[in-house]
């Protein structure tokens, strides 16, 4: 089966901007207390629920993977971009990073205690999100958790410049209610949603959703 064109565009764009992206966003979490709070709550939940690992899907240069590791979470990263993965391995040599896509994780059923997709769904056409969330649900163990972060809105922005480079990439802003509905259809229960106002460098509200795969009866 041919790879979807949006995946090729994502890989090409992030290979192109990887070095600048990693440098510019390296310390971003330190300036985002709400973001850290969401990740910390997620870490506590998955640690309390069992020992299975967490996958940081769309991990980029590994900053969220590294932060979760600092919180004591057993975790690894998956990304489309080989250049991003090389940077992640260099920055966090003790952690594991592998190439893959959100709709084909290459993991066994129920292999994960948690999934973080931190702004990773923003380049996926909304029509393909049901397949992505179904794959997340398949890979999560019963009782496992999902944390999403994304830009809130209802439009699509075509990027031709990013981090000082020419690119060609669509970014989708998504309504939290829509994403909650898609998560529920995939078999996950939404536990919490949060929308915060944009910080100085942001143009839109930022949304966070926490969900759980129901435990088996």
Foldseek 3Di string as FASTA:
>chain_A
DDDDPLLVQVQVVCLVQQVLVCVVCVCVVVVPVVVLVVLLVLLVQLVVVDQFAEEEEQCFLNNSVVSSVVSVGHYAYEHQYPNSQVNNCVVCVVHHYYYDHLLCPVAAFQRGQEYEHEQPCFQPPPVCVLSSLLSVLRNHHAFHKYKYKHFADADKDFDQDDSHDGGTTITGHHHPVVVCVSNVVSQKAWDDKDWDADDPVDDGIMIMTMIGHHHDD
